[in-house]
Amino acid sequence: MSNAIYLIEDATDRIGDSALLQRWRELLAESDSHGRVYQSPEFFDYLLSTATEHAPPQLFTVTERASGTVVGVVPLALRRHSFDFIAGRLHLGSLPVPSVCLLGSAPLMPARAELLDLLFKFLLAKFPLCQAISLGALPAHSELWHNIRKGSGYTAHLLNNWRTCHQIPLPASFEAFMAQFNSKRRYNLKRQQRQLRDHGGGRLALQRIEQPEQLPSMLEAMSRLTTPEHRAQLWTQEEMRELALHGMLLCYQIDCGGQPCALILGLRSSDTLHLFNIFHDKALDHLSVGTTILHMAIEDLCSRGFTCIDLGYGTPAHSYQSSNATVQRGHVLLMRSNTRNRLARALHGAFVTATKTTRRFIK
């Protein structure tokens, strides 16, 4: 599916090539994608090292024939998505959608319509058993989404509608961050931290967790602060170790009186913390432990030059609403234009509409 201008080829067996790696990093540095961490060589290598339950990732390059310049690097993985038929707590079934998942929800290349069209047609031809190309967190107001809708040979399907994602922009200093709040809010944040310190007999310590040797104490904290059911949904010990070895793990823990009372799980991507979970001791709810660990982590991040905390999908339980920014993102499937997929989309769309109508009627 390459053309006279561009050559698209599998470069998975060349990931150790120094020239390719350098070009990959150059394209990554030029990208303004919120998902850069998932497009990085480090994350690709992490997936390779932990590929036990899933197929290993693959890498493709887009080269301009005339100049020989690599203009695009496309890390991806093959995964299985589905159209789920869920009504309240009832899971009535699902339709599988084997997919080519673009890591970082975008190809690492210019978002030109004709180039995107060429790449997507190539991938659908390369992986005939896959029914879609998956972009898991595509910004609604991006050039990529605008140009995707100009494409042909596939149908763009938005899975579960556009959803709100929260971010916390971080200024150059913690003092500047605090200046965003009124005096009452600043007083309350300091009071909450002071009360938690007093509860611990004057001992309240923040730990930044990035290295493999720090994991045993963090795992012990996780066992105290989460349930076994919840832990089963989180990274495994080996996955956390690999993330740390690849320089991507960035977690925080606070100990009150020498005992862990709150934990943040996250990944770092240059100047951004991708925050996934905040866990805390439920017995200390009255001391606002979740807010305090976030507040203390922000102080540390500001001192290290971070510019953003990305909280992903949903509304965070512990957030500074006055300082948060929101963006709309969605899970977009670029589906093959065939009868099977048209029926699947229509059936799922009708089901979703019916359940929404039923909820409104019941209310």
Protein backbone atom coordinates (compact mmCIF):
# COMPACT_ATOMS: atom_id res chain seq x y z
CA MET A 1 0.00 0.00 0.00
CA SER A 2 3.04 2.29 -0.30
CA ASN A 3 2.95 4.73 -3.20
CA ALA A 4 5.43 6.52 -5.46
CA ILE A 5 6.13 9.15 -2.79
CA TYR A 6 6.21 7.19 0.48
CA LEU A 7 7.44 3.76 1.50
CA ILE A 8 5.82 2.09 4.53
CA GLU A 9 7.63 -0.92 5.94
CA ASP A 10 7.90 -3.11 9.02
CA ALA A 11 10.88 -1.98 11.11
CA THR A 12 10.30 -4.17 14.17
CA ASP A 13 13.57 -6.04 13.61
CA ARG A 14 15.47 -2.72 13.37
CA ILE A 15 14.62 -1.26 16.78
CA GLY A 16 18.27 -1.55 17.79
CA ASP A 17 19.42 0.53 14.82
CA SER A 18 21.01 3.73 16.16
CA ALA A 19 19.99 5.91 13.19
CA LEU A 20 16.37 4.80 13.43
CA LEU A 21 16.38 5.30 17.19
CA GLN A 22 17.76 8.82 16.79
CA ARG A 23 15.10 9.70 14.21
CA TRP A 24 12.41 8.19 16.44
CA ARG A 25 13.50 10.45 19.29
CA GLU A 26 13.58 13.49 16.98
CA LEU A 27 9.98 12.88 15.89
CA LEU A 28 8.98 12.34 19.51
CA ALA A 29 10.57 15.65 20.52
CA GLU A 30 8.61 17.44 17.77
CA SER A 31 5.30 15.89 18.84
CA ASP A 32 2.83 17.76 21.04
CA SER A 33 0.71 14.64 21.66
CA HIS A 34 -0.55 14.07 25.21
CA GLY A 35 0.31 10.38 24.73
CA ARG A 36 4.00 10.78 23.89
CA VAL A 37 5.06 8.42 26.66
CA TYR A 38 3.26 5.56 24.89
CA GLN A 39 5.00 6.39 21.59
CA SER A 40 8.48 6.35 23.10
CA PRO A 41 11.23 3.75 22.51
CA GLU A 42 11.22 3.13 26.26
CA PHE A 43 7.53 2.19 26.35
CA PHE A 44 7.96 0.03 23.24
CA ASP A 45 10.84 -1.80 24.92
CA TYR A 46 8.75 -2.12 28.10
CA LEU A 47 5.96 -3.81 26.12
CA LEU A 48 8.49 -6.16 24.53
CA SER A 49 9.90 -7.13 27.91
CA THR A 50 6.46 -7.80 29.44
CA ALA A 51 4.70 -9.40 26.43
CA THR A 52 3.36 -12.54 28.08
CA GLU A 53 -0.45 -12.32 27.82
CA HIS A 54 -0.51 -10.16 24.67
CA ALA A 55 1.26 -10.20 21.33
CA PRO A 56 4.46 -8.10 21.33
CA PRO A 57 4.34 -4.60 19.81
CA GLN A 58 5.39 -3.89 16.24
CA LEU A 59 7.06 -0.89 14.63
CA PHE A 60 6.53 0.60 11.18
CA THR A 61 8.29 3.46 9.44
CA VAL A 62 7.13 5.88 6.75
CA THR A 63 9.97 7.00 4.47
CA GLU A 64 9.93 9.71 1.82
CA ARG A 65 11.38 7.95 -1.22
CA ALA A 66 13.00 10.98 -2.87
CA SER A 67 15.02 12.08 0.15
CA GLY A 68 15.25 8.80 2.04
CA THR A 69 14.04 10.63 5.16
CA VAL A 70 11.96 8.78 7.73
CA VAL A 71 8.95 11.08 8.19
CA GLY A 72 6.94 8.77 10.41
CA VAL A 73 7.41 6.13 13.10
CA VAL A 74 4.34 4.09 14.00
CA PRO A 75 4.52 1.87 17.12
CA LEU A 76 1.46 -0.37 17.46
CA ALA A 77 0.07 -3.46 19.14
CA LEU A 78 -2.66 -5.93 18.18
CA ARG A 79 -5.47 -6.03 20.73
CA ARG A 80 -9.11 -7.09 20.98
CA HIS A 81 -11.76 -4.45 21.64
CA SER A 82 -15.50 -5.04 21.71
CA PHE A 83 -18.93 -3.52 21.40
CA ASP A 84 -20.34 -4.18 24.87
CA PHE A 85 -24.06 -4.48 25.53
CA ILE A 86 -24.43 -3.33 29.13
CA ALA A 87 -27.59 -2.16 30.87
CA GLY A 88 -26.94 -1.06 34.43
CA ARG A 89 -25.23 -3.99 36.13
CA LEU A 90 -26.29 -6.45 33.43
CA HIS A 91 -23.69 -7.48 30.87
CA LEU A 92 -25.79 -8.90 28.06
CA GLY A 93 -22.95 -9.76 25.70
CA SER A 94 -20.36 -8.24 23.41
CA LEU A 95 -19.20 -8.25 19.80
CA PRO A 96 -15.42 -8.64 19.42
CA VAL A 97 -13.48 -6.11 17.35
CA PRO A 98 -9.88 -7.28 16.75
CA SER A 99 -7.91 -4.06 16.31
CA VAL A 100 -4.58 -2.52 15.38
CA CYS A 101 -3.92 -0.19 18.33
CA LEU A 102 -1.78 2.86 17.63
CA LEU A 103 0.31 3.47 20.74
CA GLY A 104 -0.23 7.00 22.00
CA SER A 105 -3.51 7.21 20.02
CA ALA A 106 -1.72 8.65 16.99
CA PRO A 107 0.96 7.87 14.43
CA LEU A 108 4.21 9.72 15.11
CA MET A 109 4.20 11.65 11.82
CA PRO A 110 2.62 14.73 10.19
CA ALA A 111 -1.19 14.62 10.42
CA ARG A 112 -1.69 15.30 6.70
CA ALA A 113 -4.88 13.78 5.33
CA GLU A 114 -3.29 12.02 2.34
CA LEU A 115 -0.48 10.55 4.46
CA LEU A 116 -2.91 9.33 7.13
CA ASP A 117 -5.12 7.76 4.48
CA LEU A 118 -2.13 5.91 3.01
CA LEU A 119 -1.03 4.63 6.42
CA PHE A 120 -4.47 3.47 7.54
CA LYS A 121 -5.11 1.62 4.27
CA PHE A 122 -1.68 -0.02 4.59
CA LEU A 123 -2.39 -1.20 8.14
CA LEU A 124 -5.81 -2.63 7.29
CA ALA A 125 -4.24 -4.51 4.37
CA LYS A 126 -1.27 -5.65 6.49
CA PHE A 127 -3.49 -7.09 9.23
CA PRO A 128 -6.46 -8.69 7.43
CA LEU A 129 -7.82 -10.34 10.61
CA CYS A 130 -8.23 -6.96 12.32
CA GLN A 131 -11.52 -5.14 11.83
CA ALA A 132 -10.37 -1.70 12.97
CA ILE A 133 -7.55 0.67 13.80
CA SER A 134 -7.87 1.86 17.39
CA LEU A 135 -7.01 5.33 18.71
CA GLY A 136 -7.79 5.04 22.40
CA ALA A 137 -7.71 8.68 23.52
CA LEU A 138 -7.99 10.93 20.47
CA PRO A 139 -8.51 14.66 21.22
CA ALA A 140 -11.80 15.91 19.80
CA HIS A 141 -10.36 19.19 18.56
CA SER A 142 -7.15 17.82 17.03
CA GLU A 143 -5.89 18.14 13.48
CA LEU A 144 -5.67 14.35 13.43
CA TRP A 145 -9.40 13.90 14.08
CA HIS A 146 -10.23 16.62 11.54
CA ASN A 147 -8.22 14.88 8.81
CA ILE A 148 -9.32 11.35 9.72
CA ARG A 149 -12.86 12.28 8.72
CA LYS A 150 -11.61 13.08 5.21
CA GLY A 151 -10.32 9.53 4.72
CA SER A 152 -11.80 6.75 2.60
CA GLY A 153 -11.80 2.97 2.82
CA TYR A 154 -12.78 2.97 6.49
CA THR A 155 -15.49 4.36 8.75
CA ALA A 156 -14.62 6.38 11.86
CA HIS A 157 -16.67 5.17 14.82
CA LEU A 158 -16.62 6.96 18.18
CA LEU A 159 -16.87 4.37 20.95
CA ASN A 160 -18.78 5.59 24.06
CA ASN A 161 -18.91 9.24 22.94
CA TRP A 162 -16.48 12.06 23.71
CA ARG A 163 -15.42 12.12 27.34
CA THR A 164 -13.96 14.79 29.58
CA CYS A 165 -10.32 14.49 30.61
CA HIS A 166 -8.85 16.64 33.37
CA GLN A 167 -5.39 18.17 33.41
CA ILE A 168 -3.62 20.25 36.05
CA PRO A 169 -1.30 22.80 34.39
CA LEU A 170 1.76 23.46 36.55
CA PRO A 171 3.45 26.89 36.56
CA ALA A 172 7.17 27.46 37.02
CA SER A 173 6.96 27.48 40.82
CA PHE A 174 4.80 26.06 43.59
CA GLU A 175 4.24 29.60 44.88
CA ALA A 176 2.72 30.52 41.51
CA PHE A 177 0.50 27.43 41.67
CA MET A 178 -0.78 28.37 45.12
CA ALA A 179 -1.39 31.95 43.99
CA GLN A 180 -4.24 30.66 41.79
CA PHE A 181 -6.36 30.03 44.90
CA ASN A 182 -8.04 32.48 47.23
CA SER A 183 -6.74 32.92 50.75
CA LYS A 184 -9.35 30.59 52.26
CA ARG A 185 -8.42 27.75 49.92
CA ARG A 186 -4.70 28.24 50.59
CA TYR A 187 -5.35 28.23 54.33
CA ASN A 188 -7.38 25.02 54.13
CA LEU A 189 -4.71 23.20 52.11
CA LYS A 190 -2.03 24.12 54.66
CA ARG A 191 -4.35 23.26 57.55
CA GLN A 192 -5.10 19.80 56.12
CA GLN A 193 -1.41 19.05 55.78
CA ARG A 194 -0.70 20.32 59.29
CA GLN A 195 -3.50 18.20 60.79
CA LEU A 196 -2.18 15.09 59.07
CA ARG A 197 1.32 15.80 60.36
CA ASP A 198 -0.05 16.29 63.88
CA HIS A 199 -1.89 12.98 63.59
CA GLY A 200 1.45 11.32 62.89
CA GLY A 201 3.10 12.84 65.91
CA GLY A 202 4.87 15.47 63.84
CA ARG A 203 6.06 12.99 61.20
CA LEU A 204 4.76 13.39 57.64
CA ALA A 205 7.10 12.43 54.79
CA LEU A 206 6.70 12.37 51.00
CA GLN A 207 8.58 9.73 49.01
CA ARG A 208 9.10 9.98 45.26
CA ILE A 209 9.27 6.45 43.84
CA GLU A 210 11.15 5.96 40.57
CA GLN A 211 13.74 3.22 41.12
CA PRO A 212 13.36 -0.59 41.26
CA GLU A 213 14.90 -0.74 44.74
CA GLN A 214 12.06 1.45 46.06
CA LEU A 215 9.35 -0.98 44.98
CA PRO A 216 9.26 -3.33 48.00
CA SER A 217 8.14 -0.57 50.36
CA MET A 218 5.64 0.73 47.79
CA LEU A 219 4.21 -2.76 47.29
CA GLU A 220 3.78 -3.04 51.04
CA ALA A 221 1.94 0.28 51.02
CA MET A 222 -0.30 -0.96 48.19
CA SER A 223 -1.20 -4.04 50.21
CA ARG A 224 -2.29 -1.78 53.08
CA LEU A 225 -4.21 0.77 51.01
CA THR A 226 -5.96 -1.35 48.34
CA THR A 227 -8.11 -4.46 48.19
CA PRO A 228 -6.93 -7.69 46.50
CA GLU A 229 -9.61 -7.18 43.84
CA HIS A 230 -8.30 -3.71 43.05
CA ARG A 231 -4.66 -4.80 43.07
CA ALA A 232 -5.47 -7.42 40.44
CA GLN A 233 -6.36 -4.57 38.05
CA LEU A 234 -3.09 -2.68 38.60
CA TRP A 235 0.42 -3.21 37.29
CA THR A 236 2.08 -6.41 38.40
CA GLN A 237 5.30 -6.28 40.39
CA GLU A 238 7.28 -7.23 37.27
CA GLU A 239 5.56 -4.54 35.19
CA MET A 240 6.38 -1.89 37.79
CA ARG A 241 9.97 -3.06 37.88
CA GLU A 242 10.26 -2.79 34.09
CA LEU A 243 8.65 0.67 34.10
CA ALA A 244 11.20 1.77 36.69
CA LEU A 245 14.10 0.27 34.73
CA HIS A 246 12.94 2.15 31.63
CA GLY A 247 12.74 5.46 33.50
CA MET A 248 8.97 5.84 33.19
CA LEU A 249 7.67 5.03 36.68
CA LEU A 250 6.78 8.06 38.80
CA CYS A 251 4.80 7.37 41.97
CA TYR A 252 4.44 9.15 45.30
CA GLN A 253 3.84 7.87 48.81
CA ILE A 254 3.28 9.74 52.06
CA ASP A 255 3.97 8.18 55.43
CA CYS A 256 2.22 9.54 58.50
CA GLY A 257 3.87 8.61 61.77
CA GLY A 258 6.04 6.12 59.89
CA GLN A 259 3.06 4.32 58.32
CA PRO A 260 1.96 4.62 54.66
CA CYS A 261 -1.30 6.54 54.40
CA ALA A 262 -1.56 7.51 50.72
CA LEU A 263 -0.13 6.49 47.36
CA ILE A 264 -0.13 7.93 43.82
CA LEU A 265 0.51 5.66 40.82
CA GLY A 266 1.75 7.35 37.67
CA LEU A 267 4.04 7.47 34.65
CA ARG A 268 6.29 10.30 33.57
CA SER A 269 6.60 11.63 30.02
CA SER A 270 9.24 14.37 29.80
CA ASP A 271 7.48 17.21 31.68
CA THR A 272 4.12 15.48 32.30
CA LEU A 273 2.92 13.15 35.06
CA HIS A 274 0.21 10.74 33.88
CA LEU A 275 -1.66 10.10 37.11
CA PHE A 276 -3.72 6.90 37.20
CA ASN A 277 -4.68 6.24 40.81
CA ILE A 278 -4.71 7.84 44.25
CA PHE A 279 -5.13 5.40 47.14
CA HIS A 280 -5.38 6.36 50.79
CA ASP A 281 -6.17 4.99 54.22
CA LYS A 282 -9.97 5.16 54.52
CA ALA A 283 -9.68 5.52 58.28
CA LEU A 284 -8.11 8.95 57.64
CA ASP A 285 -10.83 10.28 55.33
CA HIS A 286 -11.57 13.06 57.80
CA LEU A 287 -8.01 14.35 57.31
CA SER A 288 -8.30 14.75 53.50
CA VAL A 289 -5.32 12.48 52.84
CA GLY A 290 -5.95 12.23 49.08
CA THR A 291 -5.90 16.00 48.68
CA THR A 292 -2.77 16.28 50.81
CA ILE A 293 -0.70 13.79 48.83
CA LEU A 294 -1.68 15.48 45.57
CA HIS A 295 -0.78 18.87 47.05
CA MET A 296 2.63 17.60 48.22
CA ALA A 297 3.31 15.86 44.90
CA ILE A 298 2.53 19.07 43.01
CA GLU A 299 5.09 20.92 45.11
CA ASP A 300 7.72 18.33 44.18
CA LEU A 301 6.75 18.35 40.49
CA CYS A 302 6.96 22.14 40.27
CA SER A 303 10.45 22.05 41.78
CA ARG A 304 11.53 19.59 39.07
CA GLY A 305 10.20 21.56 36.09
CA PHE A 306 7.08 19.54 35.30
CA THR A 307 4.39 21.49 33.44
CA CYS A 308 1.31 19.24 33.60
CA ILE A 309 -0.49 16.45 35.43
CA ASP A 310 -2.72 14.48 33.06
CA LEU A 311 -5.55 12.73 34.91
CA GLY A 312 -7.02 10.98 31.86
CA TYR A 313 -10.67 10.07 31.46
CA GLY A 314 -13.28 10.91 34.07
CA THR A 315 -13.68 13.40 36.89
CA PRO A 316 -11.04 13.00 39.61
CA ALA A 317 -12.16 12.54 43.19
CA HIS A 318 -9.37 14.80 44.46
CA SER A 319 -8.97 17.81 42.19
CA TYR A 320 -8.37 21.52 42.25
CA GLN A 321 -11.42 22.43 40.20
CA SER A 322 -10.42 26.10 39.90
CA SER A 323 -7.02 25.24 38.42
CA ASN A 324 -7.94 22.21 36.30
CA ALA A 325 -8.18 22.36 32.53
CA THR A 326 -10.44 19.98 30.63
CA VAL A 327 -10.15 18.49 27.15
CA GLN A 328 -12.46 16.19 25.21
CA ARG A 329 -11.02 12.85 24.09
CA GLY A 330 -12.60 9.72 22.72
CA HIS A 331 -11.88 6.15 21.72
CA VAL A 332 -12.08 6.16 17.93
CA LEU A 333 -12.21 2.99 15.83
CA LEU A 334 -11.40 3.28 12.13
CA MET A 335 -13.41 0.30 10.95
CA ARG A 336 -13.33 -1.60 7.70
CA SER A 337 -16.25 -0.65 5.49
CA ASN A 338 -18.02 -4.00 5.28
CA THR A 339 -21.45 -5.42 6.05
CA ARG A 340 -20.37 -7.06 9.31
CA ASN A 341 -19.07 -3.83 10.77
CA ARG A 342 -22.01 -1.76 9.54
CA LEU A 343 -24.40 -4.17 11.28
CA ALA A 344 -22.30 -4.20 14.46
CA ARG A 345 -22.23 -0.40 14.64
CA ALA A 346 -25.95 -0.12 13.93
CA LEU A 347 -26.89 -2.77 16.50
CA HIS A 348 -24.70 -1.29 19.21
CA GLY A 349 -25.85 2.26 18.43
CA ALA A 350 -29.50 1.22 18.65
CA PHE A 351 -28.86 -0.54 21.96
CA VAL A 352 -27.08 2.48 23.47
CA THR A 353 -29.91 4.79 22.33
CA ALA A 354 -32.54 2.46 23.77
CA THR A 355 -30.83 2.21 27.17
CA LYS A 356 -30.46 6.01 27.38
CA THR A 357 -34.13 6.47 26.51
CA THR A 358 -35.14 3.88 29.11
CA ARG A 359 -33.09 5.63 31.82
CA ARG A 360 -34.75 8.96 31.06
CA PHE A 361 -38.18 7.34 31.16
CA ILE A 362 -37.48 5.63 34.50
CA LYS A 363 -36.22 8.88 36.04
